[in-house]
């Protein structure tokens, strides 16, 4: 059976932590900051973890994880 190819879009956006969880960035933090509160912008700067439902799909896209 051939090797599984890595989904290149997912590999640029998602990364595994040391314990095997998947890190992601928050959406809505590229532009239009004037309309968002400072508190919201601070929260969006932080990374987040992929939920358990989506994690199964991500693991299929990133076979090395």
PDB file of N, CA and C in Angstrom:
ATOM      1  N   UNK A   1       0.842  -1.186   0.000  1.00  0.00           N
ATOM      2  CA  UNK A   1       0.000   0.000   0.000  1.00  0.00           C
ATOM      3  C   UNK A   1       0.890   1.253   0.000  1.00  0.00           C
ATOM      4  N   UNK A   2       0.553   2.260  -0.823  1.00  0.00           N
ATOM      5  CA  UNK A   2       1.404   3.454  -0.876  1.00  0.00           C
ATOM      6  C   UNK A   2       1.284   4.291   0.385  1.00  0.00           C
ATOM      7  N   UNK A   3       2.255   5.162   0.550  1.00  0.00           N
ATOM      8  CA  UNK A   3       2.238   6.054   1.707  1.00  0.00           C
ATOM      9  C   UNK A   3       1.093   7.050   1.582  1.00  0.00           C
ATOM     10  N   UNK A   4       0.587   7.512   2.739  1.00  0.00           N
ATOM     11  CA  UNK A   4      -0.463   8.539   2.734  1.00  0.00           C
ATOM     12  C   UNK A   4       0.192   9.894   2.503  1.00  0.00           C
ATOM     13  N   UNK A   5      -0.403  10.706   1.650  1.00  0.00           N
ATOM     14  CA  UNK A   5       0.124  12.049   1.427  1.00  0.00           C
ATOM     15  C   UNK A   5      -0.403  12.989   2.500  1.00  0.00           C
ATOM     16  N   UNK A   6       0.432  13.917   2.923  1.00  0.00           N
ATOM     17  CA  UNK A   6       0.044  14.936   3.888  1.00  0.00           C
ATOM     18  C   UNK A   6      -0.765  16.006   3.171  1.00  0.00           C
ATOM     19  N   UNK A   7      -1.834  16.457   3.789  1.00  0.00           N
ATOM     20  CA  UNK A   7      -2.643  17.548   3.251  1.00  0.00           C
ATOM     21  C   UNK A   7      -1.866  18.838   3.480  1.00  0.00           C
ATOM     22  N   UNK A   8      -1.368  19.454   2.402  1.00  0.00           N
ATOM     23  CA  UNK A   8      -0.433  20.572   2.554  1.00  0.00           C
ATOM     24  C   UNK A   8      -1.100  21.782   3.206  1.00  0.00           C
ATOM     25  N   UNK A   9      -2.396  22.013   2.953  1.00  0.00           N
ATOM     26  CA  UNK A   9      -3.087  23.138   3.584  1.00  0.00           C
ATOM     27  C   UNK A   9      -3.197  22.949   5.081  1.00  0.00           C
ATOM     28  N   UNK A  10      -3.474  21.725   5.505  1.00  0.00           N
ATOM     29  CA  UNK A  10      -3.596  21.438   6.934  1.00  0.00           C
ATOM     30  C   UNK A  10      -2.235  21.529   7.623  1.00  0.00           C
ATOM     31  N   UNK A  11      -1.181  21.091   6.934  1.00  0.00           N
ATOM     32  CA  UNK A  11       0.136  21.099   7.573  1.00  0.00           C
ATOM     33  C   UNK A  11       0.639  22.510   7.824  1.00  0.00           C
ATOM     34  N   UNK A  12       0.163  23.485   7.016  1.00  0.00           N
ATOM     35  CA  UNK A  12       0.580  24.866   7.215  1.00  0.00           C
ATOM     36  C   UNK A  12      -0.166  25.527   8.361  1.00  0.00           C
ATOM     37  N   UNK A  13      -1.342  25.010   8.704  1.00  0.00           N
ATOM     38  CA  UNK A  13      -2.204  25.676   9.680  1.00  0.00           C
ATOM     39  C   UNK A  13      -2.300  24.968  11.016  1.00  0.00           C
ATOM     40  N   UNK A  14      -2.010  23.689  11.064  1.00  0.00           N
ATOM     41  CA  UNK A  14      -2.219  22.884  12.261  1.00  0.00           C
ATOM     42  C   UNK A  14      -0.907  22.230  12.678  1.00  0.00           C
ATOM     43  N   UNK A  15      -0.689  22.175  13.992  1.00  0.00           N
ATOM     44  CA  UNK A  15       0.549  21.594  14.512  1.00  0.00           C
ATOM     45  C   UNK A  15       0.227  20.737  15.727  1.00  0.00           C
ATOM     46  N   UNK A  16       0.998  19.682  15.917  1.00  0.00           N
ATOM     47  CA  UNK A  16       0.799  18.808  17.060  1.00  0.00           C
ATOM     48  C   UNK A  16       1.585  19.318  18.261  1.00  0.00           C
ATOM     49  N   UNK A  17       0.983  19.214  19.444  1.00  0.00           N
ATOM     50  CA  UNK A  17       1.693  19.541  20.678  1.00  0.00           C
ATOM     51  C   UNK A  17       2.505  18.318  21.090  1.00  0.00           C
ATOM     52  N   UNK A  18       3.264  18.457  22.143  1.00  0.00           N
ATOM     53  CA  UNK A  18       4.074  17.348  22.618  1.00  0.00           C
ATOM     54  C   UNK A  18       3.254  16.174  23.105  1.00  0.00           C
ATOM     55  N   UNK A  19       2.038  16.446  23.587  1.00  0.00           N
ATOM     56  CA  UNK A  19       1.192  15.369  24.103  1.00  0.00           C
ATOM     57  C   UNK A  19       0.255  14.806  23.039  1.00  0.00           C
ATOM     58  N   UNK A  20       0.350  15.306  21.796  1.00  0.00           N
ATOM     59  CA  UNK A  20      -0.452  14.754  20.715  1.00  0.00           C
ATOM     60  C   UNK A  20      -1.729  15.509  20.416  1.00  0.00           C
ATOM     61  N   UNK A  21      -1.993  16.604  21.131  1.00  0.00           N
ATOM     62  CA  UNK A  21      -3.155  17.422  20.798  1.00  0.00           C
ATOM     63  C   UNK A  21      -2.813  18.280  19.586  1.00  0.00           C
ATOM     64  N   UNK A  22      -3.830  18.875  18.968  1.00  0.00           N
ATOM     65  CA  UNK A  22      -3.615  19.628  17.740  1.00  0.00           C
ATOM     66  C   UNK A  22      -3.891  21.102  17.994  1.00  0.00           C
ATOM     67  N   UNK A  23      -2.899  21.943  17.699  1.00  0.00           N
ATOM     68  CA  UNK A  23      -3.028  23.386  17.874  1.00  0.00           C
ATOM     69  C   UNK A  23      -3.535  24.018  16.602  1.00  0.00           C
ATOM     70  N   UNK A  24      -4.309  25.096  16.761  1.00  0.00           N
ATOM     71  CA  UNK A  24      -4.802  25.858  15.625  1.00  0.00           C
ATOM     72  C   UNK A  24      -4.817  27.322  16.015  1.00  0.00           C
ATOM     73  N   UNK A  25      -4.947  28.187  15.031  1.00  0.00           N
ATOM     74  CA  UNK A  25      -5.074  29.625  15.285  1.00  0.00           C
ATOM     75  C   UNK A  25      -6.548  29.989  15.268  1.00  0.00           C
ATOM     76  N   UNK A  26      -6.891  31.098  15.908  1.00  0.00           N
ATOM     77  CA  UNK A  26      -8.266  31.582  15.876  1.00  0.00           C
ATOM     78  C   UNK A  26      -8.547  32.271  14.544  1.00  0.00           C
ATOM     79  N   UNK A  27      -9.787  32.184  14.115  1.00  0.00           N
ATOM     80  CA  UNK A  27     -10.220  32.903  12.917  1.00  0.00           C
ATOM     81  C   UNK A  27     -10.535  34.356  13.294  1.00  0.00           C
ATOM     82  N   UNK A  28     -10.789  35.180  12.304  1.00  0.00           N
ATOM     83  CA  UNK A  28     -11.210  36.578  12.466  1.00  0.00           C
ATOM     84  C   UNK A  28     -10.129  37.468  13.070  1.00  0.00           C
ATOM     85  N   UNK A  29      -8.864  37.136  12.846  1.00  0.00           N
ATOM     86  CA  UNK A  29      -7.800  37.995  13.374  1.00  0.00           C
ATOM     87  C   UNK A  29      -6.854  38.422  12.252  1.00  0.00           C
ATOM     88  N   UNK A  30      -7.407  38.870  11.137  1.00  0.00           N
ATOM     89  CA  UNK A  30      -6.579  39.332  10.027  1.00  0.00           C
ATOM     90  C   UNK A  30      -6.775  40.813   9.735  1.00  0.00           C
ATOM     91  N   UNK A  31      -8.006  41.295   9.844  1.00  0.00           N
ATOM     92  CA  UNK A  31      -8.269  42.693   9.488  1.00  0.00           C
ATOM     93  C   UNK A  31      -9.537  43.152  10.200  1.00  0.00           C
ATOM     94  N   UNK A  32      -9.911  44.406   9.973  1.00  0.00           N
ATOM     95  CA  UNK A  32     -11.092  45.026  10.600  1.00  0.00           C
ATOM     96  C   UNK A  32     -11.003  45.043  12.123  1.00  0.00           C
ATOM     97  N   UNK A  33      -9.841  45.342  12.647  1.00  0.00           N
ATOM     98  CA  UNK A  33      -9.667  45.369  14.103  1.00  0.00           C
ATOM     99  C   UNK A  33     -10.402  46.537  14.740  1.00  0.00           C
ATOM    100  N   UNK A  34     -10.674  47.556  13.953  1.00  0.00           N
ATOM    101  CA  UNK A  34     -11.346  48.746  14.469  1.00  0.00           C
ATOM    102  C   UNK A  34     -12.720  48.389  15.040  1.00  0.00           C
ATOM    103  N   UNK A  35     -13.363  47.384  14.465  1.00  0.00           N
ATOM    104  CA  UNK A  35     -14.716  47.018  14.883  1.00  0.00           C
ATOM    105  C   UNK A  35     -14.720  45.984  16.007  1.00  0.00           C
ATOM    106  N   UNK A  36     -13.558  45.499  16.387  1.00  0.00           N
ATOM    107  CA  UNK A  36     -13.475  44.492  17.445  1.00  0.00           C
ATOM    108  C   UNK A  36     -12.932  45.149  18.704  1.00  0.00           C
ATOM    109  N   UNK A  37     -13.356  44.644  19.837  1.00  0.00           N
ATOM    110  CA  UNK A  37     -12.876  45.205  21.095  1.00  0.00           C
ATOM    111  C   UNK A  37     -11.433  44.771  21.327  1.00  0.00           C
ATOM    112  N   UNK A  38     -10.733  45.507  22.164  1.00  0.00           N
ATOM    113  CA  UNK A  38      -9.353  45.162  22.496  1.00  0.00           C
ATOM    114  C   UNK A  38      -9.296  43.800  23.160  1.00  0.00           C
ATOM    115  N   UNK A  39     -10.269  43.522  24.007  1.00  0.00           N
ATOM    116  CA  UNK A  39     -10.315  42.225  24.683  1.00  0.00           C
ATOM    117  C   UNK A  39     -10.485  41.092  23.673  1.00  0.00           C
ATOM    118  N   UNK A  40     -11.329  41.306  22.688  1.00  0.00           N
ATOM    119  CA  UNK A  40     -11.545  40.279  21.666  1.00  0.00           C
ATOM    120  C   UNK A  40     -10.269  40.050  20.865  1.00  0.00           C
ATOM    121  N   UNK A  41      -9.583  41.130  20.506  1.00  0.00           N
ATOM    122  CA  UNK A  41      -8.333  40.996  19.750  1.00  0.00           C
ATOM    123  C   UNK A  41      -7.276  40.245  20.546  1.00  0.00           C
ATOM    124  N   UNK A  42      -7.213  40.489  21.855  1.00  0.00           N
ATOM    125  CA  UNK A  42      -6.257  39.767  22.699  1.00  0.00           C
ATOM    126  C   UNK A  42      -6.574  38.285  22.712  1.00  0.00           C
ATOM    127  N   UNK A  43      -7.853  37.942  22.836  1.00  0.00           N
ATOM    128  CA  UNK A  43      -8.256  36.531  22.870  1.00  0.00           C
ATOM    129  C   UNK A  43      -7.956  35.829  21.549  1.00  0.00           C
ATOM    130  N   UNK A  44      -8.182  36.533  20.436  1.00  0.00           N
ATOM    131  CA  UNK A  44      -7.968  35.929  19.128  1.00  0.00           C
ATOM    132  C   UNK A  44      -6.490  35.695  18.839  1.00  0.00           C
ATOM    133  N   UNK A  45      -5.614  36.444  19.514  1.00  0.00           N
ATOM    134  CA  UNK A  45      -4.178  36.268  19.326  1.00  0.00           C
ATOM    135  C   UNK A  45      -3.707  34.907  19.826  1.00  0.00           C
ATOM    136  N   UNK A  46      -4.361  34.403  20.863  1.00  0.00           N
ATOM    137  CA  UNK A  46      -3.960  33.135  21.469  1.00  0.00           C
ATOM    138  C   UNK A  46      -4.324  31.969  20.550  1.00  0.00           C
ATOM    139  N   UNK A  47      -3.565  30.903  20.646  1.00  0.00           N
ATOM    140  CA  UNK A  47      -3.889  29.695  19.898  1.00  0.00           C
ATOM    141  C   UNK A  47      -5.015  28.947  20.587  1.00  0.00           C
ATOM    142  N   UNK A  48      -5.512  27.910  19.936  1.00  0.00           N
ATOM    143  CA  UNK A  48      -6.567  27.087  20.504  1.00  0.00           C
ATOM    144  C   UNK A  48      -6.302  25.643  20.114  1.00  0.00           C
ATOM    145  N   UNK A  49      -7.033  24.737  20.732  1.00  0.00           N
ATOM    146  CA  UNK A  49      -6.909  23.326  20.406  1.00  0.00           C
ATOM    147  C   UNK A  49      -8.082  22.905  19.532  1.00  0.00           C
ATOM    148  N   UNK A  50      -7.830  21.980  18.644  1.00  0.00           N
ATOM    149  CA  UNK A  50      -8.889  21.416  17.808  1.00  0.00           C
ATOM    150  C   UNK A  50      -9.721  20.489  18.682  1.00  0.00           C
ATOM    151  N   UNK A  51     -11.031  20.570  18.544  1.00  0.00           N
ATOM    152  CA  UNK A  51     -11.931  19.743  19.333  1.00  0.00           C
ATOM    153  C   UNK A  51     -11.850  18.273  18.952  1.00  0.00           C
ATOM    154  N   UNK A  52     -12.384  17.406  19.797  1.00  0.00           N
ATOM    155  CA  UNK A  52     -12.260  15.967  19.555  1.00  0.00           C
ATOM    156  C   UNK A  52     -12.949  15.494  18.278  1.00  0.00           C
ATOM    157  N   UNK A  53     -14.036  16.146  17.881  1.00  0.00           N
ATOM    158  CA  UNK A  53     -14.740  15.737  16.668  1.00  0.00           C
ATOM    159  C   UNK A  53     -13.899  16.018  15.431  1.00  0.00           C
ATOM    160  N   UNK A  54     -13.352  17.234  15.355  1.00  0.00           N
ATOM    161  CA  UNK A  54     -12.536  17.605  14.204  1.00  0.00           C
ATOM    162  C   UNK A  54     -11.159  16.958  14.243  1.00  0.00           C
ATOM    163  N   UNK A  55     -10.696  16.600  15.434  1.00  0.00           N
ATOM    164  CA  UNK A  55      -9.358  16.025  15.559  1.00  0.00           C
ATOM    165  C   UNK A  55      -9.234  14.744  14.739  1.00  0.00           C
ATOM    166  N   UNK A  56     -10.302  13.966  14.668  1.00  0.00           N
ATOM    167  CA  UNK A  56     -10.268  12.729  13.880  1.00  0.00           C
ATOM    168  C   UNK A  56     -10.044  13.039  12.402  1.00  0.00           C
ATOM    169  N   UNK A  57     -10.676  14.091  11.883  1.00  0.00           N
ATOM    170  CA  UNK A  57     -10.489  14.467  10.485  1.00  0.00           C
ATOM    171  C   UNK A  57      -9.080  14.985  10.252  1.00  0.00           C
ATOM    172  N   UNK A  58      -8.580  15.768  11.212  1.00  0.00           N
ATOM    173  CA  UNK A  58      -7.245  16.339  11.059  1.00  0.00           C
ATOM    174  C   UNK A  58      -6.181  15.237  11.073  1.00  0.00           C
ATOM    175  N   UNK A  59      -6.358  14.242  11.923  1.00  0.00           N
ATOM    176  CA  UNK A  59      -5.380  13.164  11.996  1.00  0.00           C
ATOM    177  C   UNK A  59      -5.322  12.389  10.677  1.00  0.00           C
ATOM    178  N   UNK A  60      -6.447  12.339   9.971  1.00  0.00           N
ATOM    179  CA  UNK A  60      -6.448  11.678   8.662  1.00  0.00           C
ATOM    180  C   UNK A  60      -5.683  12.524   7.648  1.00  0.00           C
ATOM    181  N   UNK A  61      -5.743  13.862   7.788  1.00  0.00           N
ATOM    182  CA  UNK A  61      -5.043  14.738   6.856  1.00  0.00           C
ATOM    183  C   UNK A  61      -3.550  14.811   7.144  1.00  0.00           C
ATOM    184  N   UNK A  62      -3.180  14.605   8.426  1.00  0.00           N
ATOM    185  CA  UNK A  62      -1.775  14.678   8.835  1.00  0.00           C
ATOM    186  C   UNK A  62      -1.351  13.305   9.364  1.00  0.00           C
ATOM    187  N   UNK A  63      -0.973  12.390   8.506  1.00  0.00           N
ATOM    188  CA  UNK A  63      -0.718  11.020   8.947  1.00  0.00           C
ATOM    189  C   UNK A  63       0.487  10.865   9.868  1.00  0.00           C
ATOM    190  N   UNK A  64       1.360  11.871   9.931  1.00  0.00           N
ATOM    191  CA  UNK A  64       2.548  11.740  10.778  1.00  0.00           C
ATOM    192  C   UNK A  64       2.245  11.991  12.239  1.00  0.00           C
ATOM    193  N   UNK A  65       1.019  12.437  12.597  1.00  0.00           N
ATOM    194  CA  UNK A  65       0.687  12.842  13.958  1.00  0.00           C
ATOM    195  C   UNK A  65       0.430  11.753  14.910  1.00  0.00           C
TER     196      UNK A  65
END
